[in-house]
């Protein structure tokens, strides 16, 4: 089984073994979140997927499921004082995403355009955005996940 090294930009985030604590936030994939938006809307979520940075926005995706990442320092959810991530659960969810979702390969530029990531944020309720046929892989009208700051985007790297 592959092991992952978690590069954490957020001070105070702890990774722990599955049996170490029961109060962690369970990571969900992008498609799982969109399938259960009615029950997860308005609540803090930890979402795993392909984080893509484009000229027209930031996105978290899996297969045909896309969330637009919106950074909002005032309205994004604050993480709890004791914020921890179950590393084993995050690795299992990432393995699911990786089976169906490749990272982009770019002829020019950096691998920073597409990376595996966990995003702590909140998905708002409301009607599902309409899909518009565009030439782009990501739609600016995708359902937003509101994140307080870039430090709550946790990049994952293969080891």
N, C-alpha and C. Protein backbone atom coordinates (compact mmCIF):
# COMPACT_ATOMS: atom_id res chain seq x y z
N UNK A 1 0.84 -1.18 0.00
CA UNK A 1 0.00 0.00 0.00
C UNK A 1 0.89 1.24 0.00
N UNK A 2 0.49 2.20 -0.83
CA UNK A 2 1.28 3.43 -0.88
C UNK A 2 1.15 4.21 0.41
N UNK A 3 2.21 4.87 0.76
CA UNK A 3 2.20 5.74 1.94
C UNK A 3 2.30 7.17 1.44
N UNK A 4 1.71 8.07 2.15
CA UNK A 4 1.69 9.47 1.73
C UNK A 4 2.32 10.35 2.79
N UNK A 5 3.08 11.28 2.32
CA UNK A 5 3.65 12.30 3.19
C UNK A 5 2.75 13.51 3.09
N UNK A 6 2.27 13.99 4.19
CA UNK A 6 1.35 15.11 4.21
C UNK A 6 2.13 16.39 4.49
N UNK A 7 2.12 17.29 3.53
CA UNK A 7 2.77 18.59 3.70
C UNK A 7 1.72 19.53 4.27
N UNK A 8 1.91 19.97 5.47
CA UNK A 8 0.91 20.76 6.17
C UNK A 8 1.35 22.23 6.21
N UNK A 9 0.48 23.09 5.73
CA UNK A 9 0.74 24.52 5.76
C UNK A 9 0.09 25.16 6.98
N UNK A 10 -0.76 24.43 7.67
CA UNK A 10 -1.51 24.98 8.80
C UNK A 10 -0.86 24.55 10.11
N UNK A 11 -0.40 25.50 10.89
CA UNK A 11 0.19 25.18 12.19
C UNK A 11 -0.88 24.61 13.11
N UNK A 12 -0.53 23.60 13.83
CA UNK A 12 -1.46 23.02 14.79
C UNK A 12 -2.28 21.86 14.25
N UNK A 13 -2.20 21.55 12.97
CA UNK A 13 -2.92 20.40 12.43
C UNK A 13 -2.12 19.16 12.78
N UNK A 14 -2.81 18.17 13.33
CA UNK A 14 -2.14 16.92 13.71
C UNK A 14 -2.65 15.79 12.83
N UNK A 15 -1.75 14.91 12.44
CA UNK A 15 -2.13 13.68 11.77
C UNK A 15 -1.96 12.57 12.78
N UNK A 16 -2.86 11.60 12.79
CA UNK A 16 -2.76 10.54 13.78
C UNK A 16 -3.26 9.24 13.20
N UNK A 17 -2.91 8.16 13.85
CA UNK A 17 -3.38 6.84 13.43
C UNK A 17 -4.87 6.74 13.71
N UNK A 18 -5.55 5.86 13.00
CA UNK A 18 -7.01 5.74 13.10
C UNK A 18 -7.48 5.44 14.51
N UNK A 19 -6.70 4.72 15.29
CA UNK A 19 -7.14 4.36 16.63
C UNK A 19 -6.76 5.39 17.69
N UNK A 20 -6.09 6.46 17.31
CA UNK A 20 -5.59 7.41 18.30
C UNK A 20 -6.66 8.36 18.84
N UNK A 21 -7.65 8.69 18.01
CA UNK A 21 -8.68 9.62 18.47
C UNK A 21 -9.95 9.41 17.67
N UNK A 22 -11.07 9.70 18.30
CA UNK A 22 -12.35 9.49 17.63
C UNK A 22 -13.01 10.80 17.23
N UNK A 23 -12.42 11.94 17.57
CA UNK A 23 -13.08 13.22 17.33
C UNK A 23 -12.60 13.92 16.07
N UNK A 24 -12.03 13.20 15.14
CA UNK A 24 -11.53 13.84 13.93
C UNK A 24 -12.64 14.01 12.90
N UNK A 25 -12.40 14.90 11.97
CA UNK A 25 -13.33 15.13 10.88
C UNK A 25 -13.05 14.09 9.79
N UNK A 26 -14.06 13.34 9.40
CA UNK A 26 -13.90 12.29 8.39
C UNK A 26 -13.78 12.92 7.01
N UNK A 27 -12.70 12.66 6.28
CA UNK A 27 -12.57 13.21 4.93
C UNK A 27 -13.60 12.57 3.99
N UNK A 28 -14.09 13.36 3.04
CA UNK A 28 -14.99 12.87 2.00
C UNK A 28 -14.40 13.24 0.65
N UNK A 29 -14.75 12.49 -0.39
CA UNK A 29 -14.32 12.85 -1.74
C UNK A 29 -15.27 13.91 -2.29
N UNK A 30 -14.88 14.53 -3.38
CA UNK A 30 -15.71 15.57 -4.00
C UNK A 30 -17.05 14.99 -4.41
N UNK A 31 -17.05 13.81 -5.06
CA UNK A 31 -18.31 13.20 -5.51
C UNK A 31 -19.19 12.83 -4.32
N UNK A 32 -18.60 12.31 -3.23
CA UNK A 32 -19.39 11.99 -2.03
C UNK A 32 -20.05 13.25 -1.48
N UNK A 33 -19.31 14.33 -1.43
CA UNK A 33 -19.85 15.59 -0.92
C UNK A 33 -21.02 16.07 -1.78
N UNK A 34 -20.86 16.02 -3.10
CA UNK A 34 -21.93 16.48 -3.98
C UNK A 34 -23.15 15.57 -3.93
N UNK A 35 -22.93 14.28 -3.68
CA UNK A 35 -24.06 13.35 -3.54
C UNK A 35 -24.85 13.60 -2.26
N UNK A 36 -24.19 14.16 -1.24
CA UNK A 36 -24.82 14.35 0.07
C UNK A 36 -24.84 15.81 0.48
N UNK A 37 -24.92 16.72 -0.49
CA UNK A 37 -24.94 18.15 -0.19
C UNK A 37 -26.09 18.52 0.73
N UNK A 38 -27.24 17.85 0.57
CA UNK A 38 -28.40 18.19 1.40
C UNK A 38 -28.12 17.98 2.88
N UNK A 39 -27.32 16.99 3.26
CA UNK A 39 -27.01 16.75 4.68
C UNK A 39 -25.72 17.42 5.13
N UNK A 40 -24.82 17.73 4.20
CA UNK A 40 -23.53 18.32 4.58
C UNK A 40 -23.47 19.84 4.38
N UNK A 41 -24.42 20.41 3.69
CA UNK A 41 -24.41 21.85 3.42
C UNK A 41 -24.42 22.66 4.71
N UNK A 42 -23.58 23.67 4.74
CA UNK A 42 -23.50 24.56 5.89
C UNK A 42 -22.64 24.03 7.03
N UNK A 43 -22.17 22.79 6.92
CA UNK A 43 -21.34 22.19 7.97
C UNK A 43 -19.89 22.17 7.52
N UNK A 44 -18.95 22.23 8.48
CA UNK A 44 -17.54 22.10 8.10
C UNK A 44 -17.28 20.72 7.51
N UNK A 45 -16.51 20.69 6.44
CA UNK A 45 -16.16 19.44 5.77
C UNK A 45 -14.67 19.43 5.45
N UNK A 46 -14.13 18.26 5.33
CA UNK A 46 -12.75 18.05 4.90
C UNK A 46 -12.85 17.23 3.62
N UNK A 47 -12.52 17.84 2.49
CA UNK A 47 -12.73 17.22 1.18
C UNK A 47 -11.39 16.90 0.54
N UNK A 48 -11.29 15.71 -0.02
CA UNK A 48 -10.06 15.29 -0.71
C UNK A 48 -10.32 15.22 -2.20
N UNK A 49 -9.36 15.68 -2.99
CA UNK A 49 -9.51 15.64 -4.44
C UNK A 49 -8.29 16.22 -5.14
N UNK A 50 -8.45 16.45 -6.43
CA UNK A 50 -7.41 17.08 -7.23
C UNK A 50 -7.61 18.59 -7.15
N UNK A 51 -6.67 19.28 -6.55
CA UNK A 51 -6.72 20.73 -6.42
C UNK A 51 -6.09 21.32 -7.68
N UNK A 52 -6.85 22.12 -8.40
CA UNK A 52 -6.37 22.68 -9.65
C UNK A 52 -6.43 24.20 -9.59
N UNK A 53 -5.33 24.81 -9.95
CA UNK A 53 -5.23 26.26 -9.98
C UNK A 53 -5.21 26.70 -11.44
N UNK A 54 -6.19 27.51 -11.81
CA UNK A 54 -6.30 27.99 -13.18
C UNK A 54 -6.40 29.51 -13.17
N UNK A 55 -6.24 30.11 -14.32
CA UNK A 55 -6.34 31.56 -14.46
C UNK A 55 -7.69 32.06 -13.97
N UNK A 56 -8.73 31.28 -14.14
CA UNK A 56 -10.09 31.70 -13.81
C UNK A 56 -10.61 31.11 -12.49
N UNK A 57 -9.73 30.51 -11.69
CA UNK A 57 -10.17 30.05 -10.37
C UNK A 57 -9.42 28.84 -9.86
N UNK A 58 -9.79 28.47 -8.63
CA UNK A 58 -9.25 27.27 -7.98
C UNK A 58 -10.38 26.26 -7.89
N UNK A 59 -10.06 24.98 -8.12
CA UNK A 59 -11.07 23.94 -8.13
C UNK A 59 -10.58 22.69 -7.42
N UNK A 60 -11.50 21.96 -6.83
CA UNK A 60 -11.22 20.66 -6.25
C UNK A 60 -12.12 19.69 -7.00
N UNK A 61 -11.54 18.63 -7.57
CA UNK A 61 -12.34 17.77 -8.44
C UNK A 61 -12.02 16.30 -8.26
N UNK A 62 -12.93 15.50 -8.80
CA UNK A 62 -12.80 14.05 -8.88
C UNK A 62 -13.68 13.61 -10.04
N UNK A 63 -13.14 12.82 -10.95
CA UNK A 63 -13.92 12.38 -12.14
C UNK A 63 -14.67 13.56 -12.74
N UNK A 64 -16.01 13.46 -12.76
CA UNK A 64 -16.85 14.51 -13.32
C UNK A 64 -17.44 15.42 -12.25
N UNK A 65 -16.94 15.33 -11.05
CA UNK A 65 -17.44 16.13 -9.92
C UNK A 65 -16.46 17.27 -9.65
N UNK A 66 -16.99 18.50 -9.57
CA UNK A 66 -16.13 19.68 -9.41
C UNK A 66 -16.71 20.62 -8.36
N UNK A 67 -15.83 21.12 -7.50
CA UNK A 67 -16.15 22.20 -6.56
C UNK A 67 -15.24 23.37 -6.88
N UNK A 68 -15.76 24.57 -6.80
CA UNK A 68 -14.94 25.77 -6.94
C UNK A 68 -14.49 26.17 -5.54
N UNK A 69 -13.19 26.35 -5.33
CA UNK A 69 -12.65 26.73 -4.02
C UNK A 69 -12.68 28.26 -3.93
N UNK A 70 -13.41 28.77 -2.94
CA UNK A 70 -13.54 30.20 -2.73
C UNK A 70 -12.86 30.55 -1.41
N UNK A 71 -11.88 31.43 -1.45
CA UNK A 71 -11.20 31.88 -0.24
C UNK A 71 -11.94 33.10 0.30
N UNK A 72 -12.41 33.01 1.54
CA UNK A 72 -13.19 34.08 2.15
C UNK A 72 -12.76 34.21 3.61
N UNK A 73 -11.88 35.17 3.90
CA UNK A 73 -11.31 35.33 5.23
C UNK A 73 -12.34 35.69 6.30
N UNK A 74 -13.47 36.26 5.91
CA UNK A 74 -14.49 36.65 6.89
C UNK A 74 -15.53 35.57 7.11
N UNK A 75 -15.97 34.90 6.04
CA UNK A 75 -17.09 33.97 6.14
C UNK A 75 -16.72 32.50 6.08
N UNK A 76 -15.48 32.19 5.77
CA UNK A 76 -15.06 30.79 5.75
C UNK A 76 -15.03 30.23 7.17
N UNK A 77 -15.29 28.93 7.33
CA UNK A 77 -15.31 28.36 8.68
C UNK A 77 -13.92 28.29 9.31
N UNK A 78 -13.88 28.60 10.59
CA UNK A 78 -12.65 28.44 11.35
C UNK A 78 -12.50 26.98 11.75
N UNK A 79 -11.29 26.44 11.68
CA UNK A 79 -11.13 25.06 12.16
C UNK A 79 -11.25 25.04 13.67
N UNK A 80 -11.63 23.89 14.24
CA UNK A 80 -11.70 23.81 15.70
C UNK A 80 -10.31 23.96 16.31
N UNK A 81 -10.26 24.31 17.59
CA UNK A 81 -8.98 24.48 18.28
C UNK A 81 -8.13 23.21 18.20
N UNK A 82 -8.77 22.07 18.30
CA UNK A 82 -8.07 20.79 18.20
C UNK A 82 -8.45 20.16 16.87
N UNK A 83 -7.73 20.54 15.82
CA UNK A 83 -8.01 20.10 14.46
C UNK A 83 -7.05 18.97 14.12
N UNK A 84 -7.59 17.79 13.91
CA UNK A 84 -6.74 16.65 13.57
C UNK A 84 -7.34 15.89 12.41
N UNK A 85 -6.48 15.22 11.67
CA UNK A 85 -6.88 14.48 10.48
C UNK A 85 -6.46 13.04 10.65
N UNK A 86 -7.36 12.13 10.36
CA UNK A 86 -7.06 10.71 10.39
C UNK A 86 -6.28 10.39 9.11
N UNK A 87 -4.98 10.17 9.23
CA UNK A 87 -4.12 9.95 8.07
C UNK A 87 -4.52 8.70 7.30
N UNK A 88 -4.92 7.64 7.99
CA UNK A 88 -5.31 6.40 7.30
C UNK A 88 -6.58 6.62 6.48
N UNK A 89 -7.56 7.32 7.05
CA UNK A 89 -8.81 7.59 6.32
C UNK A 89 -8.54 8.50 5.13
N UNK A 90 -7.68 9.51 5.31
CA UNK A 90 -7.35 10.41 4.20
C UNK A 90 -6.63 9.64 3.09
N UNK A 91 -5.76 8.72 3.44
CA UNK A 91 -5.06 7.92 2.43
C UNK A 91 -6.03 7.02 1.67
N UNK A 92 -7.00 6.44 2.37
CA UNK A 92 -8.00 5.59 1.70
C UNK A 92 -8.83 6.42 0.72
N UNK A 93 -9.26 7.60 1.13
CA UNK A 93 -10.07 8.45 0.26
C UNK A 93 -9.25 8.92 -0.94
N UNK A 94 -7.99 9.28 -0.71
CA UNK A 94 -7.14 9.71 -1.81
C UNK A 94 -6.94 8.57 -2.81
N UNK A 95 -6.80 7.35 -2.34
CA UNK A 95 -6.64 6.20 -3.23
C UNK A 95 -7.87 6.04 -4.13
N UNK A 96 -9.06 6.28 -3.58
CA UNK A 96 -10.30 6.21 -4.37
C UNK A 96 -10.27 7.27 -5.48
N UNK A 97 -9.90 8.48 -5.13
CA UNK A 97 -9.87 9.58 -6.09
C UNK A 97 -8.83 9.31 -7.18
N UNK A 98 -7.66 8.84 -6.78
CA UNK A 98 -6.57 8.61 -7.74
C UNK A 98 -6.90 7.55 -8.78
N UNK A 99 -7.76 6.59 -8.41
CA UNK A 99 -8.13 5.53 -9.37
C UNK A 99 -8.91 6.09 -10.56
N UNK A 100 -9.65 7.18 -10.36
CA UNK A 100 -10.50 7.70 -11.43
C UNK A 100 -10.09 9.09 -11.93
N UNK A 101 -9.14 9.72 -11.28
CA UNK A 101 -8.83 11.11 -11.58
C UNK A 101 -7.32 11.31 -11.71
N UNK A 102 -6.83 11.59 -12.90
CA UNK A 102 -5.39 11.83 -13.06
C UNK A 102 -5.03 13.29 -12.76
N UNK A 103 -3.78 13.51 -12.40
CA UNK A 103 -3.27 14.88 -12.35
C UNK A 103 -2.99 15.30 -13.78
N UNK A 104 -3.11 16.59 -14.04
CA UNK A 104 -2.82 17.08 -15.38
C UNK A 104 -1.34 17.04 -15.67
N UNK A 105 -1.00 16.81 -16.90
CA UNK A 105 0.41 16.90 -17.30
C UNK A 105 0.52 18.12 -18.21
N UNK A 106 1.43 18.98 -17.87
CA UNK A 106 1.55 20.26 -18.56
C UNK A 106 2.86 20.33 -19.31
N UNK A 107 2.77 20.71 -20.55
CA UNK A 107 3.97 20.80 -21.38
C UNK A 107 4.90 21.89 -20.84
N UNK A 108 4.31 22.98 -20.42
CA UNK A 108 5.08 24.09 -19.84
C UNK A 108 4.52 24.38 -18.46
N UNK A 109 5.34 24.90 -17.60
CA UNK A 109 4.84 25.30 -16.28
C UNK A 109 5.17 24.30 -15.19
N UNK A 110 4.52 24.47 -14.10
CA UNK A 110 4.82 23.75 -12.88
C UNK A 110 3.75 22.71 -12.56
N UNK A 111 4.12 21.73 -11.76
CA UNK A 111 3.13 20.74 -11.29
C UNK A 111 2.18 21.36 -10.27
N UNK A 112 2.42 22.61 -9.88
CA UNK A 112 1.54 23.28 -8.93
C UNK A 112 0.15 23.55 -9.50
N UNK A 113 -0.04 23.41 -10.80
CA UNK A 113 -1.35 23.63 -11.39
C UNK A 113 -2.34 22.55 -10.97
N UNK A 114 -1.89 21.33 -10.76
CA UNK A 114 -2.72 20.21 -10.31
C UNK A 114 -1.95 19.45 -9.23
N UNK A 115 -2.59 19.32 -8.05
CA UNK A 115 -1.97 18.59 -6.94
C UNK A 115 -3.07 17.90 -6.15
N UNK A 116 -2.72 16.86 -5.43
CA UNK A 116 -3.67 16.22 -4.52
C UNK A 116 -3.77 17.07 -3.27
N UNK A 117 -4.98 17.22 -2.73
CA UNK A 117 -5.14 18.09 -1.57
C UNK A 117 -6.35 17.70 -0.74
N UNK A 118 -6.30 18.11 0.52
CA UNK A 118 -7.44 18.12 1.43
C UNK A 118 -7.80 19.59 1.62
N UNK A 119 -9.09 19.90 1.57
CA UNK A 119 -9.54 21.28 1.78
C UNK A 119 -10.55 21.28 2.92
N UNK A 120 -10.30 22.13 3.92
CA UNK A 120 -11.24 22.32 5.02
C UNK A 120 -12.10 23.53 4.69
N UNK A 121 -13.40 23.32 4.60
CA UNK A 121 -14.29 24.43 4.26
C UNK A 121 -15.74 24.09 4.51
N UNK A 122 -16.61 24.82 3.84
CA UNK A 122 -18.06 24.64 3.99
C UNK A 122 -18.71 24.77 2.62
N UNK A 123 -19.60 23.83 2.30
CA UNK A 123 -20.36 23.90 1.05
C UNK A 123 -21.72 24.48 1.39
N UNK A 124 -22.12 25.47 0.60
CA UNK A 124 -23.40 26.13 0.83
C UNK A 124 -24.54 25.35 0.20
N UNK A 125 -25.72 25.44 0.79
CA UNK A 125 -26.91 24.81 0.20
C UNK A 125 -27.43 25.68 -0.93
N UNK A 126 -28.39 25.18 -1.63
CA UNK A 126 -28.97 25.92 -2.74
C UNK A 126 -29.10 25.03 -3.95
N UNK A 127 -29.68 25.55 -5.01
CA UNK A 127 -29.85 24.73 -6.20
C UNK A 127 -28.51 24.34 -6.78
N UNK A 128 -28.47 23.16 -7.35
CA UNK A 128 -27.25 22.67 -7.98
C UNK A 128 -26.95 23.51 -9.22
N UNK A 129 -25.71 23.96 -9.37
CA UNK A 129 -25.38 24.76 -10.55
C UNK A 129 -25.64 23.98 -11.83
N UNK A 130 -26.02 24.69 -12.85
CA UNK A 130 -26.27 24.06 -14.15
C UNK A 130 -24.95 23.87 -14.88
N UNK A 131 -24.81 22.74 -15.53
CA UNK A 131 -23.62 22.48 -16.33
C UNK A 131 -23.73 23.25 -17.64
N UNK A 132 -22.70 23.97 -17.98
CA UNK A 132 -22.67 24.70 -19.24
C UNK A 132 -21.61 24.06 -20.13
N UNK A 133 -21.94 23.77 -21.36
CA UNK A 133 -20.92 23.20 -22.25
C UNK A 133 -19.86 24.26 -22.53
N UNK A 134 -18.67 24.04 -22.04
CA UNK A 134 -17.57 24.98 -22.28
C UNK A 134 -16.37 24.19 -22.76
N UNK A 135 -15.41 24.90 -23.24
CA UNK A 135 -14.17 24.27 -23.70
C UNK A 135 -13.26 23.95 -22.53
N UNK A 136 -13.60 24.46 -21.35
CA UNK A 136 -12.74 24.26 -20.19
C UNK A 136 -13.18 23.03 -19.40
N UNK A 137 -12.21 22.42 -18.73
CA UNK A 137 -12.51 21.26 -17.89
C UNK A 137 -13.28 21.68 -16.64
N UNK A 138 -13.03 22.87 -16.13
CA UNK A 138 -13.66 23.34 -14.91
C UNK A 138 -14.64 24.47 -15.22
N UNK A 139 -15.75 24.44 -14.54
CA UNK A 139 -16.82 25.41 -14.78
C UNK A 139 -16.82 26.43 -13.65
N UNK A 140 -16.79 27.71 -14.00
CA UNK A 140 -16.80 28.77 -12.99
C UNK A 140 -18.08 28.75 -12.16
N UNK A 141 -19.14 28.10 -12.67
CA UNK A 141 -20.41 28.03 -11.96
C UNK A 141 -20.51 26.81 -11.05
N UNK A 142 -19.41 26.08 -10.87
CA UNK A 142 -19.44 24.89 -9.99
C UNK A 142 -19.81 25.31 -8.57
N UNK A 143 -20.43 24.39 -7.83
CA UNK A 143 -20.81 24.67 -6.44
C UNK A 143 -19.55 25.06 -5.66
N UNK A 144 -19.62 26.14 -4.88
CA UNK A 144 -18.43 26.59 -4.15
C UNK A 144 -18.25 25.86 -2.82
N UNK A 145 -16.99 25.63 -2.46
CA UNK A 145 -16.62 25.24 -1.11
C UNK A 145 -15.88 26.46 -0.55
N UNK A 146 -16.40 27.04 0.53
CA UNK A 146 -15.86 28.27 1.10
C UNK A 146 -14.79 27.89 2.12
N UNK A 147 -13.61 28.41 1.91
CA UNK A 147 -12.44 28.11 2.74
C UNK A 147 -11.93 29.42 3.32
N UNK A 148 -11.59 29.43 4.59
CA UNK A 148 -11.19 30.68 5.26
C UNK A 148 -9.88 31.23 4.71
N UNK A 149 -8.93 30.37 4.39
CA UNK A 149 -7.65 30.85 3.85
C UNK A 149 -6.93 29.73 3.13
N UNK A 150 -5.92 30.12 2.38
CA UNK A 150 -5.10 29.15 1.65
C UNK A 150 -4.42 28.17 2.60
N UNK A 151 -4.23 28.55 3.86
CA UNK A 151 -3.58 27.65 4.81
C UNK A 151 -4.45 26.46 5.17
N UNK A 152 -5.73 26.47 4.79
CA UNK A 152 -6.62 25.34 5.05
C UNK A 152 -6.72 24.42 3.84
N UNK A 153 -5.83 24.63 2.88
CA UNK A 153 -5.65 23.71 1.76
C UNK A 153 -4.37 22.94 2.07
N UNK A 154 -4.52 21.64 2.27
CA UNK A 154 -3.41 20.80 2.71
C UNK A 154 -2.99 19.93 1.54
N UNK A 155 -1.79 20.15 1.02
CA UNK A 155 -1.33 19.41 -0.15
C UNK A 155 -0.77 18.05 0.27
N UNK A 156 -1.06 17.03 -0.54
CA UNK A 156 -0.64 15.66 -0.28
C UNK A 156 0.37 15.24 -1.34
N UNK A 157 1.41 14.58 -0.92
CA UNK A 157 2.46 14.16 -1.84
C UNK A 157 2.73 12.67 -1.71
N UNK A 158 3.03 12.04 -2.84
CA UNK A 158 3.46 10.64 -2.79
C UNK A 158 4.81 10.57 -2.11
N UNK A 159 5.02 9.47 -1.43
CA UNK A 159 6.32 9.28 -0.79
C UNK A 159 6.97 8.11 -1.44
